[in-house]
Amino acid sequence: MIIKPQQRILTVGDGDLSFSHALWQHHQPALLCASVLDSEQQLNDKYQQHQLYELKEAGCQVLTGFDVTNPKSWGDLPTQQFDLVIFQFPLLPAFDDQQDFLRQCEGISVNTLNRKLLRQYLIHCQQYFLDSQGEQLCYITSKDVKPYREWNIEQSIHQKTNLHYLGSSLFDIANFPGYRVRNVDRDKHVKDTQGITYVWSPQADHAIRAQLKAAEFVGENYCTPCRAGPFGNQQQRNDHMTSRKHKLMAEYEQQWKSLLTRVKYHHQID
């Protein structure tokens, strides 16, 4: 993850706020605003240890009950004042019950719901969070394992927006001492796996592109959604295209494409 001193940074959905705390202590941002989906009471109930009060004492603004998809939940968030917005290991919370599952899914998969969350995050970064005169960077850190790798992050979530995918860099947790990756629903440490930070900007020719790894598995000799290839011959391609893995990913891609065709406005998914 590429962080520069004196950036104005907003963190989104930061669980126990340990990432924001490490960012503040070790990377010297000019301004840090941290946000969590949980209310202050939920934060206290869920986590035996969190950094809410430490961040506030350090002079950072912390927003609780912050739903990145719902502007009504943002309170007094300063708008269009950030150089960089970061969403670490996003994942939808578990459903409350079967009725909640049916209500949220409405005939689409959880895969599509997670893509929708990330797309709305990117849209709101551009519309509300990023300073048009600043660096204009959006980061999502995720994992290259299921279910995250099935979201086709590099290619799908910025479709029908004015944002450009610039590339990726490895996320080294050692650069953020004290950061604890937590389960989205409970006070449990998540097993450390290699993280990848993906980068977008309204600026297609952003200077940071030179420091990033370009999108992989792109071209005629690859299956981009499956992150498969290169294929050595036509038989290898045919075997992949008829595999269970490809059929599942093709279904996810079709669901996403169908959802985007229903977008009423250029940026918005209702």
C-alpha atoms as a PDB file:
ATOM      1  CA  MET A   1       0.000   0.000   0.000  1.00  0.00           C
ATOM      2  CA  ILE A   2       1.387   3.350  -1.051  1.00  0.00           C
ATOM      3  CA  ILE A   3       0.893   5.996   1.663  1.00  0.00           C
ATOM      4  CA  LYS A   4       2.536   9.413   1.540  1.00  0.00           C
ATOM      5  CA  PRO A   5       2.973  11.703   4.556  1.00  0.00           C
ATOM      6  CA  GLN A   6       0.649  14.695   4.761  1.00  0.00           C
ATOM      7  CA  GLN A   7      -2.175  13.093   2.803  1.00  0.00           C
ATOM      8  CA  ARG A   8      -5.709  13.791   3.974  1.00  0.00           C
ATOM      9  CA  ILE A   9      -7.189  10.334   4.480  1.00  0.00           C
ATOM     10  CA  LEU A  10     -10.637   8.856   5.113  1.00  0.00           C
ATOM     11  CA  THR A  11     -10.859   5.216   6.232  1.00  0.00           C
ATOM     12  CA  VAL A  12     -14.111   3.324   5.663  1.00  0.00           C
ATOM     13  CA  GLY A  13     -15.537   0.400   7.627  1.00  0.00           C
ATOM     14  CA  ASP A  14     -12.496  -0.005   9.865  1.00  0.00           C
ATOM     15  CA  GLY A  15     -13.849  -2.638  12.297  1.00  0.00           C
ATOM     16  CA  ASP A  16     -12.048  -2.074  15.602  1.00  0.00           C
ATOM     17  CA  LEU A  17     -10.240   1.021  14.224  1.00  0.00           C
ATOM     18  CA  SER A  18      -6.824  -0.607  14.642  1.00  0.00           C
ATOM     19  CA  PHE A  19      -5.909   0.117  11.013  1.00  0.00           C
ATOM     20  CA  SER A  20      -6.729   3.814  11.384  1.00  0.00           C
ATOM     21  CA  HIS A  21      -4.786   3.937  14.647  1.00  0.00           C
ATOM     22  CA  ALA A  22      -1.718   2.359  13.024  1.00  0.00           C
ATOM     23  CA  LEU A  23      -2.066   4.686  10.042  1.00  0.00           C
ATOM     24  CA  TRP A  24      -2.162   7.711  12.329  1.00  0.00           C
ATOM     25  CA  GLN A  25       0.774   6.592  14.465  1.00  0.00           C
ATOM     26  CA  HIS A  26       3.148   5.412  11.759  1.00  0.00           C
ATOM     27  CA  HIS A  27       2.350   7.300   8.521  1.00  0.00           C
ATOM     28  CA  GLN A  28       1.788  10.912   9.594  1.00  0.00           C
ATOM     29  CA  PRO A  29      -1.267  11.935   7.543  1.00  0.00           C
ATOM     30  CA  ALA A  30      -2.102  15.625   7.579  1.00  0.00           C
ATOM     31  CA  LEU A  31      -5.688  14.716   8.436  1.00  0.00           C
ATOM     32  CA  LEU A  32      -7.348  11.425   9.323  1.00  0.00           C
ATOM     33  CA  CYS A  33     -11.078  10.767   9.511  1.00  0.00           C
ATOM     34  CA  ALA A  34     -11.940   7.181  10.487  1.00  0.00           C
ATOM     35  CA  SER A  35     -15.338   5.520  10.148  1.00  0.00           C
ATOM     36  CA  VAL A  36     -17.016   2.299  11.269  1.00  0.00           C
ATOM     37  CA  LEU A  37     -20.363   0.738  10.415  1.00  0.00           C
ATOM     38  CA  ASP A  38     -21.095  -0.128  14.049  1.00  0.00           C
ATOM     39  CA  SER A  39     -22.535   2.383  16.500  1.00  0.00           C
ATOM     40  CA  GLU A  40     -20.390   3.334  19.485  1.00  0.00           C
ATOM     41  CA  GLN A  41     -22.443   0.979  21.663  1.00  0.00           C
ATOM     42  CA  GLN A  42     -22.052  -1.885  19.177  1.00  0.00           C
ATOM     43  CA  LEU A  43     -18.328  -1.213  19.003  1.00  0.00           C
ATOM     44  CA  ASN A  44     -18.043  -1.461  22.786  1.00  0.00           C
ATOM     45  CA  ASP A  45     -20.189  -4.593  22.888  1.00  0.00           C
ATOM     46  CA  LYS A  46     -18.392  -6.370  20.039  1.00  0.00           C
ATOM     47  CA  TYR A  47     -14.717  -5.707  20.718  1.00  0.00           C
ATOM     48  CA  GLN A  48     -12.822  -6.139  23.977  1.00  0.00           C
ATOM     49  CA  GLN A  49     -10.221  -3.796  22.526  1.00  0.00           C
ATOM     50  CA  HIS A  50     -10.713  -1.007  20.002  1.00  0.00           C
ATOM     51  CA  GLN A  51      -9.111   2.358  19.268  1.00  0.00           C
ATOM     52  CA  LEU A  52     -12.126   4.698  19.194  1.00  0.00           C
ATOM     53  CA  TYR A  53     -11.152   6.758  22.215  1.00  0.00           C
ATOM     54  CA  GLU A  54      -7.418   6.747  21.449  1.00  0.00           C
ATOM     55  CA  LEU A  55      -8.099   8.213  18.009  1.00  0.00           C
ATOM     56  CA  LYS A  56     -10.430  10.855  19.396  1.00  0.00           C
ATOM     57  CA  GLU A  57      -7.863  11.820  22.041  1.00  0.00           C
ATOM     58  CA  ALA A  58      -5.288  12.181  19.254  1.00  0.00           C
ATOM     59  CA  GLY A  59      -7.567  14.702  17.537  1.00  0.00           C
ATOM     60  CA  CYS A  60      -8.883  12.455  14.753  1.00  0.00           C
ATOM     61  CA  GLN A  61     -12.511  12.615  13.737  1.00  0.00           C
ATOM     62  CA  VAL A  62     -14.211   9.229  14.140  1.00  0.00           C
ATOM     63  CA  LEU A  63     -17.665   8.548  12.696  1.00  0.00           C
ATOM     64  CA  THR A  64     -19.655   5.622  14.075  1.00  0.00           C
ATOM     65  CA  GLY A  65     -22.779   4.189  12.413  1.00  0.00           C
ATOM     66  CA  PHE A  66     -21.221   5.170   9.069  1.00  0.00           C
ATOM     67  CA  ASP A  67     -22.711   3.282   6.099  1.00  0.00           C
ATOM     68  CA  VAL A  68     -20.689   4.183   3.010  1.00  0.00           C
ATOM     69  CA  THR A  69     -23.717   3.468   0.790  1.00  0.00           C
ATOM     70  CA  ASN A  70     -26.038   5.823   2.707  1.00  0.00           C
ATOM     71  CA  PRO A  71     -25.192   9.560   2.831  1.00  0.00           C
ATOM     72  CA  LYS A  72     -27.817  10.087   5.545  1.00  0.00           C
ATOM     73  CA  SER A  73     -25.564   8.172   7.959  1.00  0.00           C
ATOM     74  CA  TRP A  74     -22.496  10.366   7.442  1.00  0.00           C
ATOM     75  CA  GLY A  75     -23.283  13.052  10.002  1.00  0.00           C
ATOM     76  CA  ASP A  76     -20.807  15.934   9.894  1.00  0.00           C
ATOM     77  CA  LEU A  77     -18.299  14.256   7.591  1.00  0.00           C
ATOM     78  CA  PRO A  78     -16.329  16.934   5.726  1.00  0.00           C
ATOM     79  CA  THR A  79     -17.009  16.423   2.022  1.00  0.00           C
ATOM     80  CA  GLN A  80     -14.579  16.718  -0.877  1.00  0.00           C
ATOM     81  CA  GLN A  81     -11.631  17.279   1.453  1.00  0.00           C
ATOM     82  CA  PHE A  82      -9.647  14.045   1.108  1.00  0.00           C
ATOM     83  CA  ASP A  83      -6.717  12.969  -1.042  1.00  0.00           C
ATOM     84  CA  LEU A  84      -7.160   9.257  -0.327  1.00  0.00           C
ATOM     85  CA  VAL A  85     -10.018   7.001   0.792  1.00  0.00           C
ATOM     86  CA  ILE A  86      -9.248   3.464   2.036  1.00  0.00           C
ATOM     87  CA  PHE A  87     -11.582   0.479   2.474  1.00  0.00           C
ATOM     88  CA  GLN A  88      -9.781  -2.438   4.144  1.00  0.00           C
ATOM     89  CA  PHE A  89     -10.955  -6.012   3.468  1.00  0.00           C
ATOM     90  CA  PRO A  90     -14.605  -5.128   2.768  1.00  0.00           C
ATOM     91  CA  LEU A  91     -17.204  -7.846   3.158  1.00  0.00           C
ATOM     92  CA  LEU A  92     -20.933  -7.665   3.753  1.00  0.00           C
ATOM     93  CA  PRO A  93     -21.973  -8.610   7.307  1.00  0.00           C
ATOM     94  CA  ALA A  94     -23.742 -11.925   7.795  1.00  0.00           C
ATOM     95  CA  PHE A  95     -27.496 -11.971   7.259  1.00  0.00           C
ATOM     96  CA  ASP A  96     -29.648 -11.844  10.373  1.00  0.00           C
ATOM     97  CA  ASP A  97     -31.885 -14.692   9.221  1.00  0.00           C
ATOM     98  CA  GLN A  98     -33.458 -16.257   6.133  1.00  0.00           C
ATOM     99  CA  GLN A  99     -35.879 -13.367   5.676  1.00  0.00           C
ATOM    100  CA  ASP A 100     -33.017 -10.869   5.777  1.00  0.00           C
ATOM    101  CA  PHE A 101     -31.164 -12.962   3.185  1.00  0.00           C
ATOM    102  CA  LEU A 102     -34.165 -13.028   0.845  1.00  0.00           C
ATOM    103  CA  ARG A 103     -34.801  -9.301   1.303  1.00  0.00           C
ATOM    104  CA  GLN A 104     -31.253  -8.270   0.477  1.00  0.00           C
ATOM    105  CA  CYS A 105     -30.540 -10.728  -2.310  1.00  0.00           C
ATOM    106  CA  GLU A 106     -33.783 -10.255  -4.266  1.00  0.00           C
ATOM    107  CA  GLY A 107     -32.829 -12.997  -6.712  1.00  0.00           C
ATOM    108  CA  ILE A 108     -29.140 -12.108  -6.997  1.00  0.00           C
ATOM    109  CA  SER A 109     -26.116 -13.713  -5.390  1.00  0.00           C
ATOM    110  CA  VAL A 110     -24.059 -12.565  -2.398  1.00  0.00           C
ATOM    111  CA  ASN A 111     -21.225 -12.180  -4.903  1.00  0.00           C
ATOM    112  CA  THR A 112     -23.240  -9.495  -6.722  1.00  0.00           C
ATOM    113  CA  LEU A 113     -24.192  -7.788  -3.453  1.00  0.00           C
ATOM    114  CA  ASN A 114     -20.535  -7.444  -2.484  1.00  0.00           C
ATOM    115  CA  ARG A 115     -19.661  -6.023  -5.911  1.00  0.00           C
ATOM    116  CA  LYS A 116     -22.541  -3.558  -5.544  1.00  0.00           C
ATOM    117  CA  LEU A 117     -21.151  -2.417  -2.179  1.00  0.00           C
ATOM    118  CA  LEU A 118     -17.701  -1.810  -3.657  1.00  0.00           C
ATOM    119  CA  ARG A 119     -19.100  -0.001  -6.680  1.00  0.00           C
ATOM    120  CA  GLN A 120     -21.135   2.346  -4.506  1.00  0.00           C
ATOM    121  CA  TYR A 121     -18.040   2.985  -2.391  1.00  0.00           C
ATOM    122  CA  LEU A 122     -16.109   4.061  -5.489  1.00  0.00           C
ATOM    123  CA  ILE A 123     -18.948   6.260  -6.731  1.00  0.00           C
ATOM    124  CA  HIS A 124     -19.297   8.012  -3.384  1.00  0.00           C
ATOM    125  CA  CYS A 125     -15.535   8.525  -3.194  1.00  0.00           C
ATOM    126  CA  GLN A 126     -15.685  10.530  -6.391  1.00  0.00           C
ATOM    127  CA  GLN A 127     -18.955  12.325  -5.707  1.00  0.00           C
ATOM    128  CA  TYR A 128     -18.494  13.236  -2.046  1.00  0.00           C
ATOM    129  CA  PHE A 129     -15.125  12.380  -0.495  1.00  0.00           C
ATOM    130  CA  LEU A 130     -12.266  13.258  -2.859  1.00  0.00           C
ATOM    131  CA  ASP A 131     -10.987  16.798  -3.294  1.00  0.00           C
ATOM    132  CA  SER A 132     -11.007  17.522  -7.038  1.00  0.00           C
ATOM    133  CA  GLN A 133      -7.798  19.502  -6.509  1.00  0.00           C
ATOM    134  CA  GLY A 134      -6.136  16.735  -4.478  1.00  0.00           C
ATOM    135  CA  GLU A 135      -4.555  13.379  -5.319  1.00  0.00           C
ATOM    136  CA  GLN A 136      -7.934  11.702  -5.921  1.00  0.00           C
ATOM    137  CA  LEU A 137      -7.153   8.099  -4.932  1.00  0.00           C
ATOM    138  CA  CYS A 138      -9.478   5.270  -3.866  1.00  0.00           C
ATOM    139  CA  TYR A 139      -8.016   2.092  -2.326  1.00  0.00           C
ATOM    140  CA  ILE A 140      -9.634  -1.278  -1.657  1.00  0.00           C
ATOM    141  CA  THR A 141      -7.516  -3.897   0.091  1.00  0.00           C
ATOM    142  CA  SER A 142      -8.723  -7.451  -0.417  1.00  0.00           C
ATOM    143  CA  LYS A 143      -7.492 -11.040  -0.525  1.00  0.00           C
ATOM    144  CA  ASP A 144      -6.722 -13.321  -3.435  1.00  0.00           C
ATOM    145  CA  VAL A 145      -8.808 -16.164  -2.006  1.00  0.00           C
ATOM    146  CA  LYS A 146     -12.509 -17.095  -2.154  1.00  0.00           C
ATOM    147  CA  PRO A 147     -14.912 -15.357  -1.981  1.00  0.00           C
ATOM    148  CA  TYR A 148     -12.955 -12.129  -2.585  1.00  0.00           C
ATOM    149  CA  ARG A 149     -11.172 -13.252  -5.741  1.00  0.00           C
ATOM    150  CA  GLU A 150     -14.554 -14.073  -7.304  1.00  0.00           C
ATOM    151  CA  TRP A 151     -15.591 -10.393  -7.363  1.00  0.00           C
ATOM    152  CA  ASN A 152     -13.433  -9.584 -10.422  1.00  0.00           C
ATOM    153  CA  ILE A 153     -12.384  -6.405  -8.622  1.00  0.00           C
ATOM    154  CA  GLU A 154      -9.910  -5.208 -11.253  1.00  0.00           C
ATOM    155  CA  GLN A 155     -12.416  -5.276 -14.103  1.00  0.00           C
ATOM    156  CA  SER A 156     -16.002  -5.137 -12.895  1.00  0.00           C
ATOM    157  CA  ILE A 157     -16.784  -2.706 -10.097  1.00  0.00           C
ATOM    158  CA  HIS A 158     -15.831   0.559 -11.843  1.00  0.00           C
ATOM    159  CA  GLN A 159     -17.891  -0.213 -14.952  1.00  0.00           C
ATOM    160  CA  LYS A 160     -20.274   2.634 -15.900  1.00  0.00           C
ATOM    161  CA  THR A 161     -18.461   5.106 -13.670  1.00  0.00           C
ATOM    162  CA  ASN A 162     -15.965   7.866 -14.409  1.00  0.00           C
ATOM    163  CA  LEU A 163     -13.269   6.093 -12.385  1.00  0.00           C
ATOM    164  CA  HIS A 164     -10.213   4.357 -13.819  1.00  0.00           C
ATOM    165  CA  TYR A 165      -8.507   1.264 -12.445  1.00  0.00           C
ATOM    166  CA  LEU A 166      -4.790   2.089 -12.105  1.00  0.00           C
ATOM    167  CA  GLY A 167      -3.276  -1.129 -10.748  1.00  0.00           C
ATOM    168  CA  SER A 168      -2.402  -2.829  -7.475  1.00  0.00           C
ATOM    169  CA  SER A 169       0.294  -3.170  -4.827  1.00  0.00           C
ATOM    170  CA  LEU A 170       0.908  -5.733  -2.112  1.00  0.00           C
ATOM    171  CA  PHE A 171      -0.432  -4.906   1.330  1.00  0.00           C
ATOM    172  CA  ASP A 172       2.210  -5.570   3.983  1.00  0.00           C
ATOM    173  CA  ILE A 173       0.606  -5.581   7.417  1.00  0.00           C
ATOM    174  CA  ALA A 174       4.051  -5.183   8.990  1.00  0.00           C
ATOM    175  CA  ASN A 175       3.931  -1.551   7.869  1.00  0.00           C
ATOM    176  CA  PHE A 176       0.957  -1.007  10.203  1.00  0.00           C
ATOM    177  CA  PRO A 177       2.057  -2.181  13.672  1.00  0.00           C
ATOM    178  CA  GLY A 178      -0.912  -2.933  15.906  1.00  0.00           C
ATOM    179  CA  TYR A 179      -3.361  -3.508  13.039  1.00  0.00           C
ATOM    180  CA  ARG A 180      -5.601  -6.506  13.721  1.00  0.00           C
ATOM    181  CA  VAL A 181      -7.717  -7.819  10.850  1.00  0.00           C
ATOM    182  CA  ARG A 182     -11.034  -8.726  12.478  1.00  0.00           C
ATOM    183  CA  ASN A 183     -14.054 -10.797  11.537  1.00  0.00           C
ATOM    184  CA  VAL A 184     -16.760  -8.474  10.215  1.00  0.00           C
ATOM    185  CA  ASP A 185     -19.354  -9.827  12.656  1.00  0.00           C
ATOM    186  CA  ARG A 186     -17.514 -10.636  15.890  1.00  0.00           C
ATOM    187  CA  ASP A 187     -14.383 -10.120  17.962  1.00  0.00           C
ATOM    188  CA  LYS A 188     -12.256 -12.733  16.238  1.00  0.00           C
ATOM    189  CA  HIS A 189      -8.901 -12.368  14.535  1.00  0.00           C
ATOM    190  CA  VAL A 190      -8.940 -13.297  10.861  1.00  0.00           C
ATOM    191  CA  LYS A 191      -6.098 -15.510   9.639  1.00  0.00           C
ATOM    192  CA  ASP A 192      -3.446 -13.397   7.955  1.00  0.00           C
ATOM    193  CA  THR A 193      -3.228 -13.982   4.212  1.00  0.00           C
ATOM    194  CA  GLN A 194      -1.589 -11.949   1.481  1.00  0.00           C
ATOM    195  CA  GLY A 195      -3.507  -8.728   0.953  1.00  0.00           C
ATOM    196  CA  ILE A 196      -3.621  -6.754  -2.284  1.00  0.00           C
ATOM    197  CA  THR A 197      -4.461  -3.055  -2.451  1.00  0.00           C
ATOM    198  CA  TYR A 198      -6.323  -2.098  -5.634  1.00  0.00           C
ATOM    199  CA  VAL A 199      -6.266   1.536  -6.770  1.00  0.00           C
ATOM    200  CA  TRP A 200      -8.724   3.755  -8.687  1.00  0.00           C
ATOM    201  CA  SER A 201      -8.835   7.433  -9.561  1.00  0.00           C
ATOM    202  CA  PRO A 202     -10.863   9.827 -11.713  1.00  0.00           C
ATOM    203  CA  GLN A 203      -7.469  10.589 -13.307  1.00  0.00           C
ATOM    204  CA  ALA A 204      -6.666   7.976 -15.962  1.00  0.00           C
ATOM    205  CA  ASP A 205      -3.045   9.133 -16.224  1.00  0.00           C
ATOM    206  CA  HIS A 206      -2.407   9.451 -12.476  1.00  0.00           C
ATOM    207  CA  ALA A 207       1.313   9.466 -11.607  1.00  0.00           C
ATOM    208  CA  ILE A 208       0.870   6.614  -9.109  1.00  0.00           C
ATOM    209  CA  ARG A 209       0.204   4.198 -11.979  1.00  0.00           C
ATOM    210  CA  ALA A 210       3.970   3.835 -12.533  1.00  0.00           C
ATOM    211  CA  GLN A 211       4.328   2.394  -9.004  1.00  0.00           C
ATOM    212  CA  LEU A 212       1.531  -0.158  -9.402  1.00  0.00           C
ATOM    213  CA  LYS A 213       1.203  -3.595 -10.934  1.00  0.00           C
ATOM    214  CA  ALA A 214      -1.043  -3.601 -14.003  1.00  0.00           C
ATOM    215  CA  ALA A 215      -4.180  -5.754 -14.182  1.00  0.00           C
ATOM    216  CA  GLU A 216      -3.426  -9.437 -14.684  1.00  0.00           C
ATOM    217  CA  PHE A 217      -5.131 -12.173 -16.719  1.00  0.00           C
ATOM    218  CA  VAL A 218      -6.102  -9.765 -19.488  1.00  0.00           C
ATOM    219  CA  GLY A 219      -6.101 -10.709 -23.177  1.00  0.00           C
ATOM    220  CA  GLU A 220      -7.340 -13.336 -25.576  1.00  0.00           C
ATOM    221  CA  ASN A 221      -5.237 -16.078 -24.000  1.00  0.00           C
ATOM    222  CA  TYR A 222      -6.783 -15.625 -20.546  1.00  0.00           C
ATOM    223  CA  CYS A 223     -10.123 -15.924 -18.788  1.00  0.00           C
ATOM    224  CA  THR A 224     -10.208 -12.646 -16.914  1.00  0.00           C
ATOM    225  CA  PRO A 225     -13.104 -13.281 -14.468  1.00  0.00           C
ATOM    226  CA  CYS A 226     -11.621 -16.638 -13.424  1.00  0.00           C
ATOM    227  CA  ARG A 227      -8.074 -15.265 -13.277  1.00  0.00           C
ATOM    228  CA  ALA A 228      -7.002 -18.233 -15.391  1.00  0.00           C
ATOM    229  CA  GLY A 229      -4.374 -18.648 -18.116  1.00  0.00           C
ATOM    230  CA  PRO A 230      -2.391 -18.292 -20.185  1.00  0.00           C
ATOM    231  CA  PHE A 231      -3.788 -21.291 -22.031  1.00  0.00           C
ATOM    232  CA  GLY A 232      -1.174 -23.338 -23.841  1.00  0.00           C
ATOM    233  CA  ASN A 233      -3.551 -24.539 -26.530  1.00  0.00           C
ATOM    234  CA  GLN A 234      -7.215 -24.626 -27.559  1.00  0.00           C
ATOM    235  CA  GLN A 235      -7.858 -27.820 -25.606  1.00  0.00           C
ATOM    236  CA  GLN A 236      -6.752 -26.144 -22.373  1.00  0.00           C
ATOM    237  CA  ARG A 237      -9.071 -23.236 -23.128  1.00  0.00           C
ATOM    238  CA  ASN A 238     -11.970 -25.581 -23.900  1.00  0.00           C
ATOM    239  CA  ASP A 239     -11.371 -27.569 -20.709  1.00  0.00           C
ATOM    240  CA  HIS A 240     -11.468 -24.388 -18.674  1.00  0.00           C
ATOM    241  CA  MET A 241     -14.585 -23.023 -20.378  1.00  0.00           C
ATOM    242  CA  THR A 242     -16.496 -26.210 -19.579  1.00  0.00           C
ATOM    243  CA  SER A 243     -15.260 -26.408 -15.981  1.00  0.00           C
ATOM    244  CA  ARG A 244     -17.492 -25.946 -12.964  1.00  0.00           C
ATOM    245  CA  LYS A 245     -15.394 -22.973 -11.836  1.00  0.00           C
ATOM    246  CA  HIS A 246     -15.874 -21.110 -15.116  1.00  0.00           C
ATOM    247  CA  LYS A 247     -19.608 -21.803 -15.266  1.00  0.00           C
ATOM    248  CA  LEU A 248     -20.032 -20.361 -11.769  1.00  0.00           C
ATOM    249  CA  MET A 249     -17.989 -17.272 -12.608  1.00  0.00           C
ATOM    250  CA  ALA A 250     -19.860 -16.821 -15.887  1.00  0.00           C
ATOM    251  CA  GLU A 251     -23.101 -16.816 -13.894  1.00  0.00           C
ATOM    252  CA  TYR A 252     -21.718 -14.170 -11.520  1.00  0.00           C
ATOM    253  CA  GLU A 253     -20.589 -12.027 -14.456  1.00  0.00           C
ATOM    254  CA  GLN A 254     -23.996 -12.294 -16.109  1.00  0.00           C
ATOM    255  CA  GLN A 255     -25.741 -11.268 -12.892  1.00  0.00           C
ATOM    256  CA  TRP A 256     -23.450  -8.242 -12.620  1.00  0.00           C
ATOM    257  CA  LYS A 257     -23.994  -7.293 -16.244  1.00  0.00           C
ATOM    258  CA  SER A 258     -27.757  -7.577 -15.804  1.00  0.00           C
ATOM    259  CA  LEU A 259     -27.662  -5.396 -12.698  1.00  0.00           C
ATOM    260  CA  LEU A 260     -25.694  -2.692 -14.488  1.00  0.00           C
ATOM    261  CA  THR A 261     -28.174  -2.636 -17.379  1.00  0.00           C
ATOM    262  CA  ARG A 262     -30.816  -1.592 -14.851  1.00  0.00           C
ATOM    263  CA  VAL A 263     -28.832   1.428 -13.676  1.00  0.00           C
ATOM    264  CA  LYS A 264     -31.048   4.481 -14.198  1.00  0.00           C
ATOM    265  CA  TYR A 265     -28.227   6.976 -14.012  1.00  0.00           C
ATOM    266  CA  HIS A 266     -24.605   6.798 -15.056  1.00  0.00           C
ATOM    267  CA  HIS A 267     -23.330   6.392 -11.497  1.00  0.00           C
ATOM    268  CA  GLN A 268     -26.208   4.910  -9.537  1.00  0.00           C
ATOM    269  CA  ILE A 269     -27.475   1.455  -8.661  1.00  0.00           C
ATOM    270  CA  ASP A 270     -30.908   1.684  -7.059  1.00  0.00           C
END
